[in-house]
N, C-alpha and C. Protein backbone atom coordinates (compact mmCIF):
# COMPACT_ATOMS: atom_id res chain seq x y z
N SER A 1 0.85 -1.19 0.00
CA SER A 1 0.00 0.00 0.00
C SER A 1 0.88 1.24 0.00
N ASN A 2 0.30 2.37 -0.29
CA ASN A 2 1.11 3.58 -0.24
C ASN A 2 0.41 4.62 0.62
N THR A 3 1.11 5.70 0.85
CA THR A 3 0.67 6.70 1.80
C THR A 3 -0.68 7.30 1.46
N TYR A 4 -0.97 7.42 0.16
CA TYR A 4 -2.15 8.17 -0.23
C TYR A 4 -3.38 7.31 -0.47
N ALA A 5 -3.18 6.01 -0.53
CA ALA A 5 -4.31 5.14 -0.84
C ALA A 5 -5.08 4.81 0.41
N SER A 6 -6.38 4.80 0.30
CA SER A 6 -7.19 4.32 1.41
C SER A 6 -7.17 2.80 1.37
N SER A 7 -7.73 2.18 2.37
CA SER A 7 -7.61 0.73 2.51
C SER A 7 -8.25 -0.03 1.35
N ASP A 8 -9.19 0.60 0.65
CA ASP A 8 -9.87 -0.10 -0.44
C ASP A 8 -9.39 0.36 -1.81
N ALA A 9 -8.27 1.06 -1.84
CA ALA A 9 -7.74 1.55 -3.11
C ALA A 9 -6.33 1.04 -3.32
N SER A 10 -5.96 0.88 -4.56
CA SER A 10 -4.63 0.42 -4.89
C SER A 10 -3.84 1.55 -5.53
N TYR A 11 -2.55 1.31 -5.71
CA TYR A 11 -1.72 2.30 -6.39
C TYR A 11 -2.32 2.64 -7.75
N ASP A 12 -2.84 1.63 -8.44
CA ASP A 12 -3.39 1.87 -9.78
C ASP A 12 -4.50 2.90 -9.76
N ASP A 13 -5.22 2.97 -8.65
CA ASP A 13 -6.30 3.96 -8.56
C ASP A 13 -5.75 5.38 -8.50
N TYR A 14 -4.53 5.51 -8.01
CA TYR A 14 -3.94 6.83 -7.83
C TYR A 14 -2.92 7.19 -8.90
N ALA A 15 -2.50 6.20 -9.69
CA ALA A 15 -1.49 6.46 -10.72
C ALA A 15 -1.87 7.62 -11.64
N PRO A 16 -3.14 7.72 -12.09
CA PRO A 16 -3.48 8.86 -12.95
C PRO A 16 -3.28 10.20 -12.24
N ALA A 17 -3.50 10.25 -10.94
CA ALA A 17 -3.31 11.49 -10.20
C ALA A 17 -1.83 11.84 -10.09
N TYR A 18 -0.99 10.84 -9.84
CA TYR A 18 0.45 11.10 -9.84
C TYR A 18 0.90 11.64 -11.19
N ARG A 19 0.46 10.97 -12.26
CA ARG A 19 0.85 11.39 -13.61
C ARG A 19 0.36 12.80 -13.90
N TYR A 20 -0.87 13.08 -13.51
CA TYR A 20 -1.44 14.40 -13.74
C TYR A 20 -0.60 15.47 -13.04
N GLY A 21 -0.25 15.23 -11.80
CA GLY A 21 0.57 16.20 -11.06
C GLY A 21 1.90 16.47 -11.75
N ALA A 22 2.54 15.40 -12.21
CA ALA A 22 3.82 15.55 -12.89
C ALA A 22 3.65 16.28 -14.22
N GLU A 23 2.60 15.94 -14.95
CA GLU A 23 2.36 16.61 -16.24
C GLU A 23 2.09 18.10 -16.04
N MET A 24 1.32 18.43 -15.03
CA MET A 24 1.00 19.83 -14.79
C MET A 24 2.24 20.61 -14.34
N ARG A 25 3.13 19.96 -13.61
CA ARG A 25 4.37 20.63 -13.19
C ARG A 25 5.21 20.99 -14.40
N ASN A 26 5.14 20.17 -15.42
CA ASN A 26 5.91 20.41 -16.64
C ASN A 26 5.17 21.24 -17.68
N ASP A 27 3.91 21.57 -17.38
CA ASP A 27 3.11 22.39 -18.28
C ASP A 27 3.62 23.84 -18.23
N ALA A 28 3.78 24.44 -19.38
CA ALA A 28 4.33 25.80 -19.44
C ALA A 28 3.52 26.79 -18.62
N ARG A 29 2.23 26.54 -18.47
CA ARG A 29 1.38 27.47 -17.71
C ARG A 29 1.73 27.48 -16.23
N TYR A 30 2.27 26.37 -15.72
CA TYR A 30 2.45 26.23 -14.28
C TYR A 30 3.88 26.01 -13.84
N ARG A 31 4.79 25.83 -14.79
CA ARG A 31 6.13 25.36 -14.49
C ARG A 31 6.84 26.15 -13.41
N ASN A 32 6.73 27.46 -13.43
CA ASN A 32 7.47 28.29 -12.48
C ASN A 32 6.62 28.77 -11.31
N SER A 33 5.55 28.06 -11.06
CA SER A 33 4.63 28.46 -10.00
C SER A 33 4.76 27.58 -8.78
N ASP A 34 4.40 28.13 -7.64
CA ASP A 34 4.32 27.35 -6.42
C ASP A 34 3.00 26.60 -6.39
N TRP A 35 2.99 25.46 -5.72
CA TRP A 35 1.76 24.66 -5.59
C TRP A 35 0.62 25.52 -5.08
N SER A 36 0.89 26.35 -4.09
CA SER A 36 -0.19 27.15 -3.49
C SER A 36 -0.85 28.08 -4.49
N LYS A 37 -0.11 28.46 -5.54
CA LYS A 37 -0.67 29.37 -6.54
C LYS A 37 -1.41 28.64 -7.64
N VAL A 38 -1.14 27.36 -7.81
CA VAL A 38 -1.77 26.62 -8.91
C VAL A 38 -2.83 25.65 -8.45
N GLU A 39 -2.91 25.39 -7.15
CA GLU A 39 -3.82 24.35 -6.68
C GLU A 39 -5.26 24.59 -7.12
N ASP A 40 -5.75 25.82 -7.01
CA ASP A 40 -7.14 26.08 -7.40
C ASP A 40 -7.37 25.80 -8.89
N ALA A 41 -6.41 26.20 -9.73
CA ALA A 41 -6.55 25.97 -11.16
C ALA A 41 -6.50 24.47 -11.47
N LEU A 42 -5.60 23.75 -10.80
CA LEU A 42 -5.50 22.31 -11.03
C LEU A 42 -6.75 21.60 -10.53
N HIS A 43 -7.27 22.05 -9.42
CA HIS A 43 -8.51 21.49 -8.87
C HIS A 43 -9.64 21.62 -9.89
N ALA A 44 -9.80 22.82 -10.44
CA ALA A 44 -10.87 23.05 -11.42
C ALA A 44 -10.65 22.20 -12.67
N ASP A 45 -9.41 22.11 -13.11
CA ASP A 45 -9.11 21.33 -14.31
C ASP A 45 -9.35 19.85 -14.05
N TRP A 46 -8.91 19.37 -12.89
CA TRP A 46 -9.13 17.96 -12.54
C TRP A 46 -10.62 17.64 -12.52
N ASP A 47 -11.40 18.52 -11.87
CA ASP A 47 -12.84 18.29 -11.80
C ASP A 47 -13.46 18.25 -13.19
N ALA A 48 -12.99 19.13 -14.07
CA ALA A 48 -13.53 19.17 -15.42
C ALA A 48 -13.21 17.88 -16.18
N ARG A 49 -12.05 17.30 -15.89
CA ARG A 49 -11.64 16.08 -16.59
C ARG A 49 -12.18 14.81 -15.97
N TYR A 50 -12.06 14.72 -14.62
CA TYR A 50 -12.25 13.43 -13.97
C TYR A 50 -13.20 13.44 -12.78
N GLY A 51 -13.51 14.61 -12.26
CA GLY A 51 -14.06 14.68 -10.91
C GLY A 51 -15.53 14.43 -10.75
N THR A 52 -16.18 13.87 -11.76
CA THR A 52 -17.62 13.74 -11.67
C THR A 52 -18.10 12.35 -11.28
N ASP A 53 -17.18 11.40 -11.15
CA ASP A 53 -17.63 10.03 -10.87
C ASP A 53 -17.70 9.70 -9.39
N GLY A 54 -17.26 10.63 -8.52
CA GLY A 54 -17.32 10.40 -7.10
C GLY A 54 -16.18 9.57 -6.55
N VAL A 55 -15.42 8.93 -7.42
CA VAL A 55 -14.30 8.09 -7.00
C VAL A 55 -13.00 8.88 -7.05
N THR A 56 -12.86 9.70 -8.05
CA THR A 56 -11.63 10.46 -8.23
C THR A 56 -11.84 11.94 -7.93
N THR A 57 -12.60 12.22 -6.90
CA THR A 57 -12.81 13.62 -6.52
C THR A 57 -11.50 14.22 -6.03
N TRP A 58 -11.40 15.51 -6.15
CA TRP A 58 -10.17 16.22 -5.78
C TRP A 58 -9.75 15.90 -4.35
N ASP A 59 -10.70 15.87 -3.44
CA ASP A 59 -10.35 15.58 -2.05
C ASP A 59 -9.63 14.24 -1.92
N LYS A 60 -10.00 13.29 -2.76
CA LYS A 60 -9.39 11.96 -2.67
C LYS A 60 -8.05 11.88 -3.37
N VAL A 61 -7.84 12.69 -4.39
CA VAL A 61 -6.60 12.57 -5.17
C VAL A 61 -5.61 13.72 -4.95
N LYS A 62 -6.01 14.74 -4.22
CA LYS A 62 -5.15 15.92 -4.09
C LYS A 62 -3.75 15.56 -3.58
N ALA A 63 -3.65 14.72 -2.59
CA ALA A 63 -2.33 14.36 -2.05
C ALA A 63 -1.48 13.65 -3.09
N ALA A 64 -2.11 12.81 -3.89
CA ALA A 64 -1.37 12.10 -4.94
C ALA A 64 -0.94 13.06 -6.05
N VAL A 65 -1.82 13.99 -6.41
CA VAL A 65 -1.46 14.99 -7.42
C VAL A 65 -0.28 15.82 -6.90
N ARG A 66 -0.35 16.22 -5.64
CA ARG A 66 0.75 17.01 -5.05
C ARG A 66 2.04 16.21 -5.05
N HIS A 67 1.95 14.94 -4.75
CA HIS A 67 3.13 14.08 -4.74
C HIS A 67 3.76 14.04 -6.14
N GLY A 68 2.94 13.88 -7.16
CA GLY A 68 3.45 13.90 -8.52
C GLY A 68 4.06 15.23 -8.88
N TRP A 69 3.41 16.30 -8.45
CA TRP A 69 3.90 17.65 -8.68
C TRP A 69 5.27 17.83 -8.03
N ASP A 70 5.39 17.43 -6.78
CA ASP A 70 6.64 17.63 -6.05
C ASP A 70 7.79 16.82 -6.62
N ARG A 71 7.47 15.66 -7.18
CA ARG A 71 8.52 14.77 -7.69
C ARG A 71 8.85 15.00 -9.17
N ALA A 72 8.07 15.84 -9.84
CA ALA A 72 8.27 16.03 -11.28
C ALA A 72 9.63 16.67 -11.56
N MET A 73 10.24 16.21 -12.61
CA MET A 73 11.50 16.78 -13.07
C MET A 73 11.20 17.71 -14.24
N PHE A 74 11.84 18.82 -14.26
CA PHE A 74 11.63 19.77 -15.36
C PHE A 74 12.36 19.28 -16.60
């Protein structure tokens, strides 16, 4: 198990959130920004893409997205 997964979730459930965080860190719109300045925009974008099924809501994936963001290489 990993730090961000709940007991009924696997890494595979969170892999898209890790990838999303890393991709957004490398996105020209956000590359030189602090997490605190981009979180609202990423939240809105995530919801527009994925957040309507109740499983991948921002509250559930935010830590994984942040983890991907923090680990992304430029």
